[in-house]
Amino acid sequence: ELAHYHLLGSGLTLWVCWQIATVVGVLAGATIPDELNLGFAIPLTFMALVLPNLHRLSDIAAATSAALVALFGQALPWNAWIVAAAVVGITVGGILSHWEDRA
């Protein structure tokens, strides 16, 4: 009966933490020298989140196919390689996952 208060408290806590982290990022981001080349931190963080979760063949094939499309699709206009990589990865993963589940 008090679940809505729990949800509200959790949501507000997450929102406040997000706002604080954003302000810290804006203020501290301007002081970080360009020599640190922190732009590479975003792909590394993404890889750290994705790689430990690749257990099945369909997972590995989806990630690999999406990575290859992203790598070789850099010349596409309007950064369309992002959408193309997602579509290919989802399609490959979905098809192989269906085959794995049937086996």
N, C-alpha and C. Protein backbone atom coordinates (compact mmCIF):
# COMPACT_ATOMS: atom_id res chain seq x y z
N GLU A 1 0.81 -1.21 0.00
CA GLU A 1 0.00 0.00 0.00
C GLU A 1 0.85 1.27 0.00
N LEU A 2 2.10 1.17 0.43
CA LEU A 2 2.99 2.33 0.44
C LEU A 2 4.02 2.27 -0.68
N ALA A 3 3.77 1.44 -1.67
CA ALA A 3 4.73 1.25 -2.76
C ALA A 3 4.97 2.53 -3.54
N HIS A 4 3.93 3.36 -3.67
CA HIS A 4 4.10 4.59 -4.45
C HIS A 4 5.08 5.54 -3.76
N TYR A 5 5.15 5.53 -2.44
CA TYR A 5 6.13 6.37 -1.74
C TYR A 5 7.55 5.85 -1.97
N HIS A 6 7.69 4.56 -2.01
CA HIS A 6 8.99 3.96 -2.30
C HIS A 6 9.45 4.35 -3.70
N LEU A 7 8.54 4.25 -4.67
CA LEU A 7 8.85 4.61 -6.04
C LEU A 7 9.18 6.10 -6.15
N LEU A 8 8.41 6.94 -5.49
CA LEU A 8 8.67 8.37 -5.52
C LEU A 8 10.02 8.70 -4.90
N GLY A 9 10.32 8.09 -3.77
CA GLY A 9 11.61 8.33 -3.12
C GLY A 9 12.78 7.87 -3.96
N SER A 10 12.64 6.72 -4.59
CA SER A 10 13.70 6.21 -5.46
C SER A 10 13.89 7.13 -6.67
N GLY A 11 12.79 7.53 -7.27
CA GLY A 11 12.87 8.41 -8.43
C GLY A 11 13.49 9.75 -8.11
N LEU A 12 13.08 10.34 -7.00
CA LEU A 12 13.66 11.63 -6.60
C LEU A 12 15.14 11.51 -6.27
N THR A 13 15.51 10.42 -5.62
CA THR A 13 16.93 10.21 -5.31
C THR A 13 17.75 10.09 -6.58
N LEU A 14 17.28 9.32 -7.54
CA LEU A 14 17.98 9.19 -8.81
C LEU A 14 18.07 10.53 -9.53
N TRP A 15 16.99 11.28 -9.53
CA TRP A 15 16.97 12.57 -10.21
C TRP A 15 17.96 13.54 -9.57
N VAL A 16 17.98 13.61 -8.25
CA VAL A 16 18.90 14.52 -7.55
C VAL A 16 20.35 14.12 -7.84
N CYS A 17 20.64 12.83 -7.77
CA CYS A 17 22.00 12.36 -8.06
C CYS A 17 22.39 12.69 -9.50
N TRP A 18 21.47 12.53 -10.43
CA TRP A 18 21.73 12.85 -11.83
C TRP A 18 22.05 14.34 -11.98
N GLN A 19 21.27 15.19 -11.33
CA GLN A 19 21.49 16.63 -11.44
C GLN A 19 22.83 17.03 -10.84
N ILE A 20 23.16 16.45 -9.69
CA ILE A 20 24.45 16.76 -9.05
C ILE A 20 25.60 16.32 -9.95
N ALA A 21 25.52 15.12 -10.49
CA ALA A 21 26.57 14.62 -11.37
C ALA A 21 26.69 15.47 -12.63
N THR A 22 25.57 15.96 -13.15
CA THR A 22 25.61 16.82 -14.33
C THR A 22 26.31 18.13 -14.02
N VAL A 23 25.98 18.74 -12.90
CA VAL A 23 26.62 20.01 -12.51
C VAL A 23 28.12 19.80 -12.30
N VAL A 24 28.48 18.72 -11.61
CA VAL A 24 29.91 18.43 -11.40
C VAL A 24 30.60 18.21 -12.74
N GLY A 25 29.96 17.50 -13.65
CA GLY A 25 30.54 17.27 -14.96
C GLY A 25 30.73 18.55 -15.75
N VAL A 26 29.75 19.44 -15.69
CA VAL A 26 29.86 20.71 -16.41
C VAL A 26 30.99 21.55 -15.83
N LEU A 27 31.05 21.63 -14.52
CA LEU A 27 32.07 22.46 -13.87
C LEU A 27 33.46 21.84 -13.99
N ALA A 28 33.57 20.56 -13.76
CA ALA A 28 34.88 19.91 -13.79
C ALA A 28 35.34 19.65 -15.22
N GLY A 29 34.40 19.46 -16.12
CA GLY A 29 34.77 19.17 -17.50
C GLY A 29 35.57 20.27 -18.16
N ALA A 30 35.29 21.50 -17.79
CA ALA A 30 36.01 22.63 -18.37
C ALA A 30 37.45 22.71 -17.86
N THR A 31 37.73 22.10 -16.72
CA THR A 31 39.08 22.18 -16.15
C THR A 31 39.98 21.02 -16.56
N ILE A 32 39.43 20.00 -17.19
CA ILE A 32 40.23 18.85 -17.59
C ILE A 32 40.99 19.20 -18.87
N PRO A 33 42.30 19.03 -18.86
CA PRO A 33 43.09 19.38 -20.05
C PRO A 33 42.82 18.43 -21.21
N ASP A 34 42.93 18.95 -22.42
CA ASP A 34 42.68 18.15 -23.62
C ASP A 34 43.70 17.03 -23.79
N GLU A 35 44.87 17.17 -23.18
CA GLU A 35 45.92 16.16 -23.32
C GLU A 35 45.51 14.81 -22.74
N LEU A 36 44.54 14.80 -21.82
CA LEU A 36 44.10 13.54 -21.23
C LEU A 36 43.29 12.69 -22.20
N ASN A 37 42.78 13.31 -23.26
CA ASN A 37 42.04 12.60 -24.30
C ASN A 37 40.95 11.70 -23.72
N LEU A 38 40.07 12.28 -22.93
CA LEU A 38 39.01 11.52 -22.27
C LEU A 38 37.87 11.14 -23.20
N GLY A 39 37.91 11.58 -24.44
CA GLY A 39 36.88 11.19 -25.39
C GLY A 39 36.85 9.68 -25.61
N PHE A 40 37.98 9.03 -25.37
CA PHE A 40 38.05 7.59 -25.53
C PHE A 40 37.42 6.85 -24.36
N ALA A 41 37.09 7.56 -23.29
CA ALA A 41 36.49 6.93 -22.10
C ALA A 41 35.08 6.42 -22.40
N ILE A 42 34.35 7.08 -23.27
CA ILE A 42 32.98 6.67 -23.57
C ILE A 42 32.95 5.31 -24.27
N PRO A 43 33.74 5.09 -25.34
CA PRO A 43 33.74 3.74 -25.93
C PRO A 43 34.24 2.67 -24.97
N LEU A 44 35.22 3.01 -24.14
CA LEU A 44 35.71 2.03 -23.17
C LEU A 44 34.64 1.66 -22.15
N THR A 45 33.89 2.64 -21.70
CA THR A 45 32.80 2.37 -20.76
C THR A 45 31.74 1.49 -21.42
N PHE A 46 31.40 1.79 -22.66
CA PHE A 46 30.42 0.99 -23.38
C PHE A 46 30.90 -0.45 -23.52
N MET A 47 32.17 -0.62 -23.88
CA MET A 47 32.71 -1.98 -24.01
C MET A 47 32.73 -2.70 -22.67
N ALA A 48 33.02 -1.98 -21.59
CA ALA A 48 33.03 -2.60 -20.27
C ALA A 48 31.64 -3.07 -19.86
N LEU A 49 30.61 -2.40 -20.34
CA LEU A 49 29.24 -2.82 -20.04
C LEU A 49 28.77 -3.98 -20.92
N VAL A 50 29.21 -3.99 -22.17
CA VAL A 50 28.70 -4.97 -23.13
C VAL A 50 29.46 -6.30 -23.06
N LEU A 51 30.78 -6.25 -23.08
CA LEU A 51 31.58 -7.47 -23.22
C LEU A 51 31.30 -8.54 -22.16
N PRO A 52 31.14 -8.20 -20.89
CA PRO A 52 30.88 -9.26 -19.91
C PRO A 52 29.53 -9.97 -20.11
N ASN A 53 28.66 -9.41 -20.92
CA ASN A 53 27.33 -9.99 -21.12
C ASN A 53 27.21 -10.80 -22.41
N LEU A 54 28.32 -11.03 -23.09
CA LEU A 54 28.30 -11.81 -24.32
C LEU A 54 28.56 -13.27 -23.98
N HIS A 55 27.48 -14.04 -23.83
CA HIS A 55 27.62 -15.44 -23.42
C HIS A 55 27.24 -16.41 -24.54
N ARG A 56 26.20 -16.10 -25.26
CA ARG A 56 25.71 -17.01 -26.30
C ARG A 56 26.28 -16.60 -27.65
N LEU A 57 26.23 -17.54 -28.58
CA LEU A 57 26.70 -17.27 -29.94
C LEU A 57 25.92 -16.12 -30.56
N SER A 58 24.63 -16.05 -30.31
CA SER A 58 23.81 -14.97 -30.88
C SER A 58 24.25 -13.62 -30.34
N ASP A 59 24.62 -13.56 -29.06
CA ASP A 59 25.10 -12.30 -28.47
C ASP A 59 26.40 -11.85 -29.14
N ILE A 60 27.32 -12.80 -29.28
CA ILE A 60 28.62 -12.48 -29.87
C ILE A 60 28.47 -12.08 -31.34
N ALA A 61 27.63 -12.79 -32.07
CA ALA A 61 27.40 -12.47 -33.48
C ALA A 61 26.74 -11.11 -33.64
N ALA A 62 25.79 -10.79 -32.79
CA ALA A 62 25.12 -9.49 -32.86
C ALA A 62 26.11 -8.36 -32.59
N ALA A 63 26.91 -8.51 -31.55
CA ALA A 63 27.88 -7.46 -31.22
C ALA A 63 28.94 -7.33 -32.30
N THR A 64 29.41 -8.45 -32.82
CA THR A 64 30.45 -8.41 -33.85
C THR A 64 29.92 -7.80 -35.14
N SER A 65 28.74 -8.20 -35.57
CA SER A 65 28.18 -7.65 -36.81
C SER A 65 27.90 -6.16 -36.67
N ALA A 66 27.38 -5.75 -35.53
CA ALA A 66 27.13 -4.32 -35.31
C ALA A 66 28.44 -3.54 -35.29
N ALA A 67 29.47 -4.10 -34.66
CA ALA A 67 30.76 -3.42 -34.61
C ALA A 67 31.37 -3.28 -36.01
N LEU A 68 31.25 -4.33 -36.82
CA LEU A 68 31.79 -4.26 -38.18
C LEU A 68 31.05 -3.24 -39.04
N VAL A 69 29.73 -3.21 -38.92
CA VAL A 69 28.96 -2.21 -39.68
C VAL A 69 29.33 -0.80 -39.22
N ALA A 70 29.48 -0.63 -37.91
CA ALA A 70 29.86 0.69 -37.39
C ALA A 70 31.25 1.09 -37.88
N LEU A 71 32.16 0.14 -37.91
CA LEU A 71 33.53 0.43 -38.33
C LEU A 71 33.60 0.76 -39.81
N PHE A 72 32.97 -0.06 -40.64
CA PHE A 72 33.07 0.14 -42.09
C PHE A 72 32.02 1.11 -42.63
N GLY A 73 31.07 1.52 -41.81
CA GLY A 73 30.03 2.43 -42.26
C GLY A 73 30.29 3.89 -41.91
N GLN A 74 31.49 4.20 -41.48
CA GLN A 74 31.81 5.56 -41.06
C GLN A 74 31.61 6.59 -42.18
N ALA A 75 31.68 6.18 -43.42
CA ALA A 75 31.53 7.11 -44.54
C ALA A 75 30.08 7.43 -44.86
N LEU A 76 29.15 6.75 -44.22
CA LEU A 76 27.73 7.01 -44.49
C LEU A 76 27.36 8.42 -44.05
N PRO A 77 26.48 9.08 -44.80
CA PRO A 77 26.10 10.45 -44.43
C PRO A 77 25.22 10.49 -43.18
N TRP A 78 25.23 11.62 -42.52
CA TRP A 78 24.38 11.90 -41.36
C TRP A 78 24.58 10.91 -40.21
N ASN A 79 25.78 10.38 -40.08
CA ASN A 79 26.06 9.39 -39.03
C ASN A 79 25.09 8.21 -39.08
N ALA A 80 24.68 7.84 -40.29
CA ALA A 80 23.74 6.74 -40.46
C ALA A 80 24.33 5.40 -40.04
N TRP A 81 25.65 5.35 -39.86
CA TRP A 81 26.28 4.10 -39.43
C TRP A 81 25.77 3.67 -38.06
N ILE A 82 25.33 4.62 -37.24
CA ILE A 82 24.83 4.28 -35.91
C ILE A 82 23.54 3.46 -36.04
N VAL A 83 22.63 3.96 -36.85
CA VAL A 83 21.36 3.26 -37.05
C VAL A 83 21.59 1.95 -37.80
N ALA A 84 22.45 1.98 -38.81
CA ALA A 84 22.73 0.77 -39.58
C ALA A 84 23.33 -0.32 -38.69
N ALA A 85 24.26 0.05 -37.83
CA ALA A 85 24.88 -0.93 -36.93
C ALA A 85 23.85 -1.51 -35.97
N ALA A 86 22.98 -0.67 -35.46
CA ALA A 86 21.95 -1.15 -34.53
C ALA A 86 20.99 -2.11 -35.24
N VAL A 87 20.56 -1.75 -36.43
CA VAL A 87 19.62 -2.60 -37.18
C VAL A 87 20.25 -3.95 -37.51
N VAL A 88 21.49 -3.93 -37.99
CA VAL A 88 22.17 -5.18 -38.34
C VAL A 88 22.39 -6.03 -37.09
N GLY A 89 22.86 -5.43 -36.01
CA GLY A 89 23.10 -6.18 -34.78
C GLY A 89 21.84 -6.80 -34.22
N ILE A 90 20.77 -6.03 -34.21
CA ILE A 90 19.49 -6.55 -33.70
C ILE A 90 18.97 -7.68 -34.60
N THR A 91 19.08 -7.50 -35.90
CA THR A 91 18.60 -8.52 -36.83
C THR A 91 19.39 -9.81 -36.70
N VAL A 92 20.71 -9.70 -36.71
CA VAL A 92 21.56 -10.90 -36.59
C VAL A 92 21.31 -11.58 -35.25
N GLY A 93 21.29 -10.81 -34.18
CA GLY A 93 21.06 -11.38 -32.86
C GLY A 93 19.70 -12.03 -32.74
N GLY A 94 18.68 -11.41 -33.31
CA GLY A 94 17.33 -11.97 -33.25
C GLY A 94 17.20 -13.27 -34.01
N ILE A 95 17.78 -13.30 -35.21
CA ILE A 95 17.70 -14.52 -36.03
C ILE A 95 18.45 -15.67 -35.36
N LEU A 96 19.68 -15.40 -34.92
CA LEU A 96 20.46 -16.47 -34.29
C LEU A 96 19.88 -16.90 -32.95
N SER A 97 19.32 -15.97 -32.21
CA SER A 97 18.68 -16.31 -30.94
C SER A 97 17.48 -17.23 -31.17
N HIS A 98 16.73 -16.94 -32.23
CA HIS A 98 15.59 -17.79 -32.58
C HIS A 98 16.07 -19.20 -32.91
N TRP A 99 17.16 -19.31 -33.68
CA TRP A 99 17.70 -20.62 -34.03
C TRP A 99 18.25 -21.34 -32.80
N GLU A 100 18.90 -20.61 -31.90
CA GLU A 100 19.43 -21.24 -30.69
C GLU A 100 18.31 -21.77 -29.80
N ASP A 101 17.24 -21.02 -29.71
CA ASP A 101 16.11 -21.44 -28.87
C ASP A 101 15.42 -22.68 -29.43
N ARG A 102 15.44 -22.83 -30.74
CA ARG A 102 14.79 -23.98 -31.37
C ARG A 102 15.65 -25.23 -31.26
N ALA A 103 16.95 -25.05 -31.10
CA ALA A 103 17.87 -26.22 -31.05
C ALA A 103 17.85 -26.89 -29.70
